[in-house]
C-alpha cells in the first residue's frame, strides 16, 4: 500500500536510503556531471554542484525519486542556477539626505557651461526660451527623464515632453536646412 511507503522508509529506511543513493550515484552520476559541465564549462564547478546535488537528494528525495533521472536533472539545473545566482554582485544605491535645488534658469546650470554655449551657438538663429534650453539640456546631456525634469522645473511631465519635442524638431529642421544649403 502507498501509505506504508514513508513508514517503511522510516523503519528500515536509513540503510535503504544509503543503498538507493549509492545506486543513483552509480547509475546517473557521470551523466549528471557531464550535464553540469555542459552548463558550467568548468569541471571543478560541475563537481561542486554535483556534490551539492547529492547532499540535497539525500536530505529531500524519497527512494523512488532518487531513481528518476529527470528529477535529478531538474534538481541539478536548479542548483546550477542557485550557484551562479549567489555570485552576482548587486550594485549599491546611494541616497542623499539633501535634495539639490531645482534649476530654474539655464544660466544656473554651470557644470559644463562651455559645451552649452557651443551647442546653443550652433542654433543661435532659433529663438528658444531659457526654460526650453534648460529642459532640453537636462534631457539631452544629463539623461534626466521627463518626470525628473518636471519635478526640478515645477511643471507637468507633459509640458516637459512638449518642450523637448519642440526643441528637437526645430533643431532637426535647422540642421536639415543647413545641409541643403551646403
N, C-alpha and C. Protein backbone atom coordinates (compact mmCIF):
# COMPACT_ATOMS: atom_id res chain seq x y z
N UNK A 1 0.83 -1.19 0.00
CA UNK A 1 0.00 0.00 0.00
C UNK A 1 0.88 1.25 0.00
N UNK A 2 0.40 2.29 -0.69
CA UNK A 2 1.17 3.51 -0.84
C UNK A 2 1.38 4.25 0.46
N UNK A 3 0.42 4.23 1.37
CA UNK A 3 0.56 4.98 2.62
C UNK A 3 1.61 4.37 3.54
N UNK A 4 2.02 3.14 3.28
CA UNK A 4 3.01 2.49 4.11
C UNK A 4 4.44 2.78 3.66
N UNK A 5 4.64 3.31 2.45
CA UNK A 5 5.99 3.56 1.95
C UNK A 5 6.79 4.49 2.87
N UNK A 6 6.27 5.65 3.26
CA UNK A 6 7.06 6.50 4.17
C UNK A 6 7.35 5.82 5.50
N UNK A 7 6.38 5.03 5.97
CA UNK A 7 6.59 4.33 7.23
C UNK A 7 7.68 3.28 7.09
N UNK A 8 7.68 2.52 5.99
CA UNK A 8 8.71 1.53 5.76
C UNK A 8 10.09 2.18 5.61
N UNK A 9 10.13 3.34 4.96
CA UNK A 9 11.41 4.06 4.82
C UNK A 9 11.91 4.48 6.20
N UNK A 10 11.01 4.90 7.07
CA UNK A 10 11.43 5.36 8.39
C UNK A 10 11.90 4.20 9.25
N UNK A 11 11.27 3.05 9.13
CA UNK A 11 11.63 1.92 9.98
C UNK A 11 12.97 1.32 9.59
N UNK A 12 13.10 0.85 8.36
CA UNK A 12 14.37 0.26 7.94
C UNK A 12 15.01 1.13 6.89
N UNK A 13 14.61 2.38 6.92
CA UNK A 13 14.86 3.26 5.81
C UNK A 13 16.26 3.77 5.64
N UNK A 14 16.99 4.01 6.70
CA UNK A 14 18.29 4.66 6.52
C UNK A 14 19.23 3.79 5.70
N UNK A 15 19.23 2.51 5.94
CA UNK A 15 20.07 1.61 5.15
C UNK A 15 19.58 1.59 3.70
N UNK A 16 18.26 1.58 3.51
CA UNK A 16 17.70 1.59 2.15
C UNK A 16 18.04 2.91 1.45
N UNK A 17 17.95 4.01 2.18
CA UNK A 17 18.28 5.32 1.60
C UNK A 17 19.73 5.36 1.16
N UNK A 18 20.62 4.86 2.00
CA UNK A 18 22.04 4.85 1.66
C UNK A 18 22.29 4.00 0.41
N UNK A 19 21.67 2.85 0.36
CA UNK A 19 21.83 1.98 -0.79
C UNK A 19 21.24 2.63 -2.04
N UNK A 20 20.08 3.27 -1.90
CA UNK A 20 19.43 3.93 -3.04
C UNK A 20 20.25 5.08 -3.58
N UNK A 21 20.84 5.86 -2.70
CA UNK A 21 21.63 6.99 -3.18
C UNK A 21 22.91 6.51 -3.84
N UNK A 22 23.51 5.44 -3.30
CA UNK A 22 24.70 4.88 -3.94
C UNK A 22 24.37 4.34 -5.33
N UNK A 23 23.22 3.70 -5.47
CA UNK A 23 22.79 3.20 -6.78
C UNK A 23 22.54 4.36 -7.74
N UNK A 24 21.92 5.43 -7.24
CA UNK A 24 21.65 6.59 -8.09
C UNK A 24 22.95 7.24 -8.55
N UNK A 25 23.92 7.34 -7.63
CA UNK A 25 25.21 7.93 -8.00
C UNK A 25 25.91 7.06 -9.05
N UNK A 26 25.88 5.74 -8.84
CA UNK A 26 26.50 4.84 -9.82
C UNK A 26 25.79 4.92 -11.17
N UNK A 27 24.49 4.97 -11.15
CA UNK A 27 23.70 4.93 -12.38
C UNK A 27 23.71 6.27 -13.12
N UNK A 28 23.55 7.40 -12.38
CA UNK A 28 23.36 8.70 -13.02
C UNK A 28 24.48 9.70 -12.78
N UNK A 29 25.43 9.37 -11.93
CA UNK A 29 26.46 10.33 -11.54
C UNK A 29 27.24 10.91 -12.70
N UNK A 30 27.73 10.04 -13.58
CA UNK A 30 28.53 10.52 -14.71
C UNK A 30 27.70 11.38 -15.66
N UNK A 31 26.49 10.96 -15.94
CA UNK A 31 25.62 11.73 -16.84
C UNK A 31 25.29 13.10 -16.25
N UNK A 32 25.06 13.15 -14.95
CA UNK A 32 24.75 14.44 -14.32
C UNK A 32 25.99 15.35 -14.27
N UNK A 33 27.17 14.75 -14.04
CA UNK A 33 28.40 15.55 -14.09
C UNK A 33 28.62 16.11 -15.50
N UNK A 34 28.38 15.31 -16.51
CA UNK A 34 28.53 15.78 -17.89
C UNK A 34 27.51 16.88 -18.19
N UNK A 35 26.29 16.72 -17.70
CA UNK A 35 25.27 17.75 -17.89
C UNK A 35 25.68 19.06 -17.22
N UNK A 36 26.17 18.95 -15.99
CA UNK A 36 26.58 20.16 -15.27
C UNK A 36 27.81 20.80 -15.92
N UNK A 37 28.72 19.96 -16.45
CA UNK A 37 29.87 20.52 -17.16
C UNK A 37 29.44 21.27 -18.41
N UNK A 38 28.43 20.74 -19.10
CA UNK A 38 27.94 21.44 -20.30
C UNK A 38 27.36 22.80 -19.94
N UNK A 39 26.85 22.94 -18.72
CA UNK A 39 26.29 24.22 -18.28
C UNK A 39 27.39 25.17 -17.78
N UNK A 40 28.37 24.63 -17.03
CA UNK A 40 29.38 25.50 -16.38
C UNK A 40 30.64 25.67 -17.21
N UNK A 41 30.97 24.71 -18.05
CA UNK A 41 32.23 24.69 -18.82
C UNK A 41 33.45 24.66 -17.90
N UNK A 42 33.28 24.13 -16.69
CA UNK A 42 34.37 24.03 -15.71
C UNK A 42 34.12 22.78 -14.87
N UNK A 43 35.07 21.82 -14.92
CA UNK A 43 34.88 20.55 -14.20
C UNK A 43 34.79 20.76 -12.71
N UNK A 44 35.58 21.67 -12.16
CA UNK A 44 35.56 21.89 -10.71
C UNK A 44 34.21 22.43 -10.26
N UNK A 45 33.68 23.39 -11.01
CA UNK A 45 32.37 23.93 -10.68
C UNK A 45 31.30 22.84 -10.82
N UNK A 46 31.39 22.05 -11.87
CA UNK A 46 30.42 20.97 -12.08
C UNK A 46 30.47 19.97 -10.94
N UNK A 47 31.66 19.63 -10.48
CA UNK A 47 31.79 18.69 -9.35
C UNK A 47 31.25 19.29 -8.06
N UNK A 48 31.48 20.59 -7.85
CA UNK A 48 30.94 21.24 -6.65
C UNK A 48 29.42 21.20 -6.64
N UNK A 49 28.83 21.52 -7.78
CA UNK A 49 27.36 21.50 -7.86
C UNK A 49 26.85 20.07 -7.74
N UNK A 50 27.58 19.12 -8.30
CA UNK A 50 27.20 17.72 -8.20
C UNK A 50 27.19 17.26 -6.74
N UNK A 51 28.18 17.68 -5.98
CA UNK A 51 28.21 17.33 -4.56
C UNK A 51 27.03 17.94 -3.82
N UNK A 52 26.71 19.20 -4.15
CA UNK A 52 25.53 19.83 -3.55
C UNK A 52 24.27 19.06 -3.92
N UNK A 53 24.23 18.57 -5.17
CA UNK A 53 23.08 17.81 -5.64
C UNK A 53 22.87 16.57 -4.79
N UNK A 54 23.93 15.78 -4.57
CA UNK A 54 23.75 14.52 -3.85
C UNK A 54 23.42 14.75 -2.38
N UNK A 55 23.95 15.82 -1.80
CA UNK A 55 23.58 16.15 -0.42
C UNK A 55 22.10 16.53 -0.37
N UNK A 56 21.67 17.33 -1.32
CA UNK A 56 20.28 17.75 -1.39
C UNK A 56 19.34 16.57 -1.61
N UNK A 57 19.74 15.68 -2.51
CA UNK A 57 18.93 14.50 -2.81
C UNK A 57 18.82 13.61 -1.57
N UNK A 58 19.91 13.42 -0.88
CA UNK A 58 19.91 12.58 0.33
C UNK A 58 18.97 13.14 1.38
N UNK A 59 18.93 14.47 1.50
CA UNK A 59 18.11 15.09 2.53
C UNK A 59 16.63 15.16 2.15
N UNK A 60 16.31 15.34 0.87
CA UNK A 60 14.94 15.71 0.50
C UNK A 60 14.20 14.70 -0.37
N UNK A 61 14.88 13.85 -1.10
CA UNK A 61 14.21 12.96 -2.04
C UNK A 61 13.80 11.67 -1.35
N UNK A 62 12.70 11.08 -1.82
CA UNK A 62 12.32 9.74 -1.38
C UNK A 62 13.15 8.73 -2.18
N UNK A 63 13.08 7.49 -1.81
CA UNK A 63 13.84 6.45 -2.50
C UNK A 63 13.40 6.35 -3.96
N UNK A 64 12.10 6.47 -4.22
CA UNK A 64 11.60 6.41 -5.60
C UNK A 64 12.11 7.59 -6.42
N UNK A 65 12.14 8.77 -5.81
CA UNK A 65 12.61 9.96 -6.52
C UNK A 65 14.09 9.86 -6.86
N UNK A 66 14.86 9.20 -6.00
CA UNK A 66 16.29 9.04 -6.26
C UNK A 66 16.56 8.23 -7.53
N UNK A 67 15.62 7.40 -7.93
CA UNK A 67 15.78 6.58 -9.12
C UNK A 67 15.32 7.25 -10.40
N UNK A 68 14.91 8.50 -10.33
CA UNK A 68 14.39 9.20 -11.51
C UNK A 68 15.43 10.18 -12.04
N UNK A 69 15.96 9.90 -13.24
CA UNK A 69 16.97 10.78 -13.85
C UNK A 69 16.39 12.16 -14.13
N UNK A 70 15.15 12.22 -14.55
CA UNK A 70 14.51 13.51 -14.85
C UNK A 70 14.46 14.42 -13.64
N UNK A 71 14.05 13.87 -12.49
CA UNK A 71 14.01 14.67 -11.27
C UNK A 71 15.40 15.09 -10.82
N UNK A 72 16.36 14.17 -10.95
CA UNK A 72 17.73 14.51 -10.57
C UNK A 72 18.29 15.61 -11.46
N UNK A 73 18.00 15.54 -12.74
CA UNK A 73 18.50 16.56 -13.66
C UNK A 73 17.83 17.91 -13.39
N UNK A 74 16.54 17.90 -13.09
CA UNK A 74 15.85 19.15 -12.74
C UNK A 74 16.46 19.77 -11.48
N UNK A 75 16.73 18.94 -10.50
CA UNK A 75 17.34 19.44 -9.26
C UNK A 75 18.75 19.96 -9.54
N UNK A 76 19.51 19.28 -10.40
CA UNK A 76 20.85 19.73 -10.76
C UNK A 76 20.79 21.09 -11.45
N UNK A 77 19.83 21.26 -12.32
CA UNK A 77 19.67 22.54 -13.01
C UNK A 77 19.34 23.65 -12.02
N UNK A 78 18.45 23.36 -11.07
CA UNK A 78 18.10 24.38 -10.07
C UNK A 78 19.31 24.74 -9.21
N UNK A 79 20.09 23.76 -8.84
CA UNK A 79 21.30 24.04 -8.06
C UNK A 79 22.31 24.84 -8.87
N UNK A 80 22.42 24.55 -10.18
CA UNK A 80 23.28 25.33 -11.06
C UNK A 80 22.86 26.80 -11.06
N UNK A 81 21.56 27.03 -11.23
CA UNK A 81 21.03 28.41 -11.23
C UNK A 81 21.31 29.09 -9.90
N UNK A 82 21.03 28.39 -8.80
CA UNK A 82 21.27 28.97 -7.47
C UNK A 82 22.74 29.24 -7.24
N UNK A 83 23.60 28.37 -7.73
CA UNK A 83 25.05 28.52 -7.55
C UNK A 83 25.55 29.80 -8.20
N UNK A 84 25.11 30.07 -9.41
CA UNK A 84 25.56 31.27 -10.11
C UNK A 84 24.81 32.51 -9.68
N UNK A 85 23.61 32.34 -9.16
CA UNK A 85 22.86 33.49 -8.66
C UNK A 85 23.56 34.07 -7.43
N UNK A 86 24.17 33.22 -6.62
CA UNK A 86 24.90 33.68 -5.43
C UNK A 86 26.07 34.56 -5.81
N UNK A 87 26.65 34.33 -6.98
CA UNK A 87 27.86 35.04 -7.38
C UNK A 87 27.57 36.42 -7.97
N UNK A 88 26.32 36.70 -8.29
CA UNK A 88 26.01 38.00 -8.86
C UNK A 88 26.21 39.07 -7.81
N UNK A 89 26.83 40.15 -8.22
CA UNK A 89 27.08 41.26 -7.30
C UNK A 89 26.05 42.32 -7.57
N UNK A 90 25.43 42.77 -6.53
CA UNK A 90 24.43 43.82 -6.68
C UNK A 90 25.10 45.16 -6.45
N UNK A 91 24.71 46.12 -7.25
CA UNK A 91 25.28 47.45 -7.10
C UNK A 91 24.65 48.14 -5.89
N UNK A 92 25.38 49.06 -5.34
CA UNK A 92 24.89 49.80 -4.19
C UNK A 92 24.19 51.07 -4.67
N UNK A 93 23.11 51.38 -4.04
CA UNK A 93 22.36 52.58 -4.38
C UNK A 93 22.69 53.64 -3.34
N UNK A 94 23.13 54.79 -3.82
CA UNK A 94 23.42 55.88 -2.91
C UNK A 94 22.20 56.74 -2.73
N UNK A 95 22.00 57.18 -1.53
CA UNK A 95 20.93 58.13 -1.28
C UNK A 95 21.53 59.34 -0.61
N UNK A 96 20.90 60.46 -0.81
CA UNK A 96 21.37 61.70 -0.21
C UNK A 96 20.32 62.21 0.75
N UNK A 97 20.78 62.80 1.83
CA UNK A 97 19.86 63.42 2.76
C UNK A 97 19.34 64.73 2.21
N UNK A 98 20.21 65.42 1.47
CA UNK A 98 19.82 66.71 0.91
C UNK A 98 19.44 66.55 -0.55
N UNK A 99 18.35 67.17 -0.93
CA UNK A 99 17.93 67.17 -2.32
C UNK A 99 18.45 68.45 -2.94
N UNK A 100 19.14 68.36 -4.09
CA UNK A 100 19.66 69.58 -4.69
C UNK A 100 18.53 70.51 -5.11
N UNK A 101 18.83 71.78 -5.12
CA UNK A 101 17.86 72.79 -5.51
C UNK A 101 17.45 72.60 -6.96
N UNK A 102 16.21 72.94 -7.26
CA UNK A 102 15.73 72.85 -8.63
C UNK A 102 16.37 73.96 -9.46
N UNK A 103 16.72 73.63 -10.67
CA UNK A 103 17.31 74.60 -11.58
C UNK A 103 16.16 75.37 -12.20
N UNK A 104 16.18 76.68 -12.05
CA UNK A 104 15.09 77.47 -12.58
C UNK A 104 15.49 78.24 -13.83
N UNK A 105 16.76 78.50 -13.99
CA UNK A 105 17.22 79.21 -15.17
C UNK A 105 18.35 78.43 -15.81
N UNK A 106 18.49 78.60 -17.09
CA UNK A 106 19.54 77.92 -17.83
C UNK A 106 20.92 78.33 -17.32
N UNK A 107 21.10 79.61 -17.00
CA UNK A 107 22.41 80.12 -16.58
C UNK A 107 22.86 79.55 -15.24
N UNK A 108 21.90 79.05 -14.44
CA UNK A 108 22.27 78.49 -13.13
C UNK A 108 22.95 77.13 -13.25
N UNK A 109 22.80 76.49 -14.38
CA UNK A 109 23.36 75.16 -14.55
C UNK A 109 24.75 75.29 -15.15
N UNK A 110 25.80 75.27 -14.31
CA UNK A 110 27.13 75.70 -14.75
C UNK A 110 28.09 74.55 -15.02
N UNK A 111 27.76 73.33 -14.73
CA UNK A 111 28.74 72.24 -14.73
C UNK A 111 29.49 72.09 -16.06
N UNK A 112 28.87 72.37 -17.15
CA UNK A 112 29.57 72.30 -18.43
C UNK A 112 29.13 73.48 -19.31
N UNK A 113 29.37 74.63 -18.77
CA UNK A 113 28.93 75.87 -19.41
C UNK A 113 29.49 76.04 -20.81
N UNK A 114 30.74 75.67 -20.99
CA UNK A 114 31.38 75.85 -22.29
C UNK A 114 30.68 75.03 -23.37
N UNK A 115 30.39 73.76 -23.09
CA UNK A 115 29.73 72.93 -24.10
C UNK A 115 28.30 73.40 -24.34
N UNK A 116 27.66 73.94 -23.32
CA UNK A 116 26.32 74.50 -23.52
C UNK A 116 26.37 75.68 -24.48
N UNK A 117 27.32 76.56 -24.24
CA UNK A 117 27.45 77.73 -25.11
C UNK A 117 27.72 77.32 -26.55
N UNK A 118 28.62 76.38 -26.73
CA UNK A 118 28.91 75.89 -28.08
C UNK A 118 27.67 75.31 -28.75
N UNK A 119 26.94 74.52 -28.00
CA UNK A 119 25.74 73.89 -28.55
C UNK A 119 24.73 74.94 -28.98
N UNK A 120 24.43 75.87 -28.10
CA UNK A 120 23.39 76.87 -28.41
C UNK A 120 23.86 77.89 -29.45
N UNK A 121 25.18 78.09 -29.56
CA UNK A 121 25.69 78.95 -30.64
C UNK A 121 25.39 78.35 -32.01
N UNK A 122 25.38 77.03 -32.07
CA UNK A 122 25.05 76.35 -33.33
C UNK A 122 23.63 76.71 -33.77
N UNK A 123 22.76 76.88 -32.80
CA UNK A 123 21.36 77.16 -33.09
C UNK A 123 20.95 78.58 -32.68
N UNK A 124 21.88 79.52 -32.83
CA UNK A 124 21.60 80.88 -32.37
C UNK A 124 20.50 81.56 -33.17
N UNK A 125 20.25 81.12 -34.39
CA UNK A 125 19.18 81.70 -35.19
C UNK A 125 17.80 81.31 -34.68
N UNK A 126 17.73 80.25 -33.91
CA UNK A 126 16.45 79.80 -33.37
C UNK A 126 16.18 80.51 -32.05
N UNK A 127 14.94 80.82 -31.83
CA UNK A 127 14.56 81.58 -30.65
C UNK A 127 13.98 80.64 -29.60
N UNK A 128 14.83 80.17 -28.67
CA UNK A 128 14.39 79.30 -27.59
C UNK A 128 14.34 80.10 -26.30
N UNK A 129 13.36 79.77 -25.44
CA UNK A 129 13.30 80.41 -24.12
C UNK A 129 14.35 79.75 -23.23
N UNK A 130 14.64 80.41 -22.12
CA UNK A 130 15.60 79.85 -21.17
C UNK A 130 15.09 78.52 -20.60
N UNK A 131 13.78 78.43 -20.37
CA UNK A 131 13.18 77.18 -19.88
C UNK A 131 13.39 76.05 -20.89
N UNK A 132 13.15 76.33 -22.14
CA UNK A 132 13.32 75.31 -23.17
C UNK A 132 14.77 74.85 -23.25
N UNK A 133 15.69 75.78 -23.15
CA UNK A 133 17.11 75.42 -23.19
C UNK A 133 17.47 74.56 -21.99
N UNK A 134 17.02 74.97 -20.81
CA UNK A 134 17.35 74.22 -19.60
C UNK A 134 16.77 72.81 -19.64
N UNK A 135 15.52 72.71 -20.04
CA UNK A 135 14.85 71.41 -20.10
C UNK A 135 15.53 70.51 -21.12
N UNK A 136 15.80 71.04 -22.29
CA UNK A 136 16.44 70.23 -23.32
C UNK A 136 17.83 69.79 -22.89
N UNK A 137 18.57 70.67 -22.25
CA UNK A 137 19.93 70.33 -21.82
C UNK A 137 19.91 69.22 -20.77
N UNK A 138 19.00 69.32 -19.82
CA UNK A 138 18.90 68.26 -18.80
C UNK A 138 18.53 66.93 -19.43
N UNK A 139 17.65 66.98 -20.41
CA UNK A 139 17.22 65.74 -21.06
C UNK A 139 18.31 65.17 -21.96
N UNK A 140 18.88 65.99 -22.82
CA UNK A 140 19.82 65.50 -23.83
C UNK A 140 21.20 65.23 -23.26
N UNK A 141 21.69 66.10 -22.44
CA UNK A 141 23.08 65.99 -21.97
C UNK A 141 23.21 65.17 -20.70
N UNK A 142 22.23 65.27 -19.81
CA UNK A 142 22.35 64.64 -18.50
C UNK A 142 21.38 63.48 -18.27
N UNK A 143 20.66 63.10 -19.32
CA UNK A 143 19.80 61.91 -19.30
C UNK A 143 18.74 61.91 -18.20
N UNK A 144 18.21 63.06 -17.89
CA UNK A 144 17.09 63.13 -16.96
C UNK A 144 15.83 62.68 -17.68
N UNK A 145 14.93 62.06 -16.95
CA UNK A 145 13.64 61.68 -17.54
C UNK A 145 12.73 62.90 -17.52
N UNK A 146 11.65 62.81 -18.26
CA UNK A 146 10.69 63.91 -18.28
C UNK A 146 10.14 64.17 -16.88
N UNK A 147 9.88 63.10 -16.13
CA UNK A 147 9.33 63.24 -14.78
C UNK A 147 10.34 63.94 -13.86
N UNK A 148 11.61 63.56 -13.96
CA UNK A 148 12.64 64.20 -13.13
C UNK A 148 12.77 65.68 -13.47
N UNK A 149 12.73 66.00 -14.74
CA UNK A 149 12.84 67.41 -15.15
C UNK A 149 11.61 68.17 -14.68
N UNK A 150 10.45 67.55 -14.81
CA UNK A 150 9.22 68.19 -14.34
C UNK A 150 9.28 68.50 -12.86
N UNK A 151 9.82 67.57 -12.07
CA UNK A 151 9.95 67.81 -10.63
C UNK A 151 10.93 68.94 -10.35
N UNK A 152 12.03 68.98 -11.09
CA UNK A 152 13.04 70.02 -10.90
C UNK A 152 12.53 71.39 -11.35
N UNK A 153 11.79 71.42 -12.44
CA UNK A 153 11.36 72.69 -13.03
C UNK A 153 9.95 73.10 -12.56
N UNK A 154 9.33 72.25 -11.75
CA UNK A 154 7.99 72.52 -11.21
C UNK A 154 6.97 72.71 -12.33
N UNK A 155 6.91 71.73 -13.22
CA UNK A 155 5.94 71.76 -14.31
C UNK A 155 5.50 70.34 -14.62
N UNK A 156 4.36 70.19 -15.27
CA UNK A 156 3.87 68.84 -15.60
C UNK A 156 4.79 68.12 -16.59
N UNK A 157 4.79 66.81 -16.49
CA UNK A 157 5.61 65.98 -17.36
C UNK A 157 5.25 66.19 -18.83
N UNK A 158 3.97 66.36 -19.11
CA UNK A 158 3.55 66.56 -20.50
C UNK A 158 4.12 67.86 -21.07
N UNK A 159 4.23 68.89 -20.25
CA UNK A 159 4.81 70.16 -20.71
C UNK A 159 6.28 69.97 -21.03
N UNK A 160 6.97 69.24 -20.18
CA UNK A 160 8.39 68.96 -20.42
C UNK A 160 8.54 68.20 -21.74
N UNK A 161 7.72 67.18 -21.93
CA UNK A 161 7.80 66.39 -23.18
C UNK A 161 7.53 67.27 -24.39
N UNK A 162 6.56 68.17 -24.29
CA UNK A 162 6.25 69.07 -25.41
C UNK A 162 7.43 69.99 -25.72
N UNK A 163 8.07 70.51 -24.67
CA UNK A 163 9.19 71.43 -24.89
C UNK A 163 10.39 70.70 -25.50
N UNK A 164 10.66 69.50 -25.03
CA UNK A 164 11.77 68.71 -25.60
C UNK A 164 11.47 68.41 -27.07
N UNK A 165 10.24 68.01 -27.34
CA UNK A 165 9.86 67.69 -28.72
C UNK A 165 9.99 68.93 -29.62
N UNK A 166 9.60 70.09 -29.11
CA UNK A 166 9.70 71.32 -29.89
C UNK A 166 11.15 71.64 -30.23
N UNK A 167 12.03 71.58 -29.21
CA UNK A 167 13.44 71.89 -29.43
C UNK A 167 14.05 70.88 -30.40
N UNK A 168 13.76 69.62 -30.23
CA UNK A 168 14.29 68.60 -31.14
C UNK A 168 13.84 68.84 -32.57
N UNK A 169 12.55 69.12 -32.74
CA UNK A 169 12.01 69.33 -34.08
C UNK A 169 12.65 70.55 -34.75
N UNK A 170 12.75 71.66 -34.01
CA UNK A 170 13.32 72.87 -34.58
C UNK A 170 14.81 72.70 -34.91
N UNK A 171 15.55 72.02 -34.01
CA UNK A 171 16.98 71.77 -34.26
C UNK A 171 17.16 70.87 -35.48
N UNK A 172 16.33 69.86 -35.60
CA UNK A 172 16.41 68.95 -36.75
C UNK A 172 16.13 69.71 -38.05
N UNK A 173 15.08 70.50 -38.05
CA UNK A 173 14.75 71.28 -39.26
C UNK A 173 15.88 72.24 -39.63
N UNK A 174 16.46 72.86 -38.61
CA UNK A 174 17.55 73.81 -38.84
C UNK A 174 18.76 73.10 -39.47
N UNK A 175 19.10 71.92 -38.92
CA UNK A 175 20.24 71.16 -39.46
C UNK A 175 19.97 70.67 -40.87
N UNK A 176 18.74 70.27 -41.14
CA UNK A 176 18.40 69.82 -42.50
C UNK A 176 18.51 70.97 -43.48
N UNK A 177 18.11 72.17 -43.10
CA UNK A 177 18.23 73.34 -43.97
C UNK A 177 19.69 73.67 -44.21
N UNK A 178 20.52 73.50 -43.18
CA UNK A 178 21.96 73.76 -43.31
C UNK A 178 22.58 72.79 -44.31
N UNK A 179 22.18 71.53 -44.26
CA UNK A 179 22.69 70.51 -45.20
C UNK A 179 22.27 70.82 -46.62
N UNK A 180 21.07 71.27 -46.79
CA UNK A 180 20.56 71.58 -48.13
C UNK A 180 21.29 72.74 -48.76
N UNK A 181 21.70 73.72 -47.95
CA UNK A 181 22.40 74.88 -48.48
C UNK A 181 23.85 74.59 -48.81
N UNK A 182 24.41 73.55 -48.23
CA UNK A 182 25.83 73.23 -48.47
C UNK A 182 26.05 72.48 -49.72
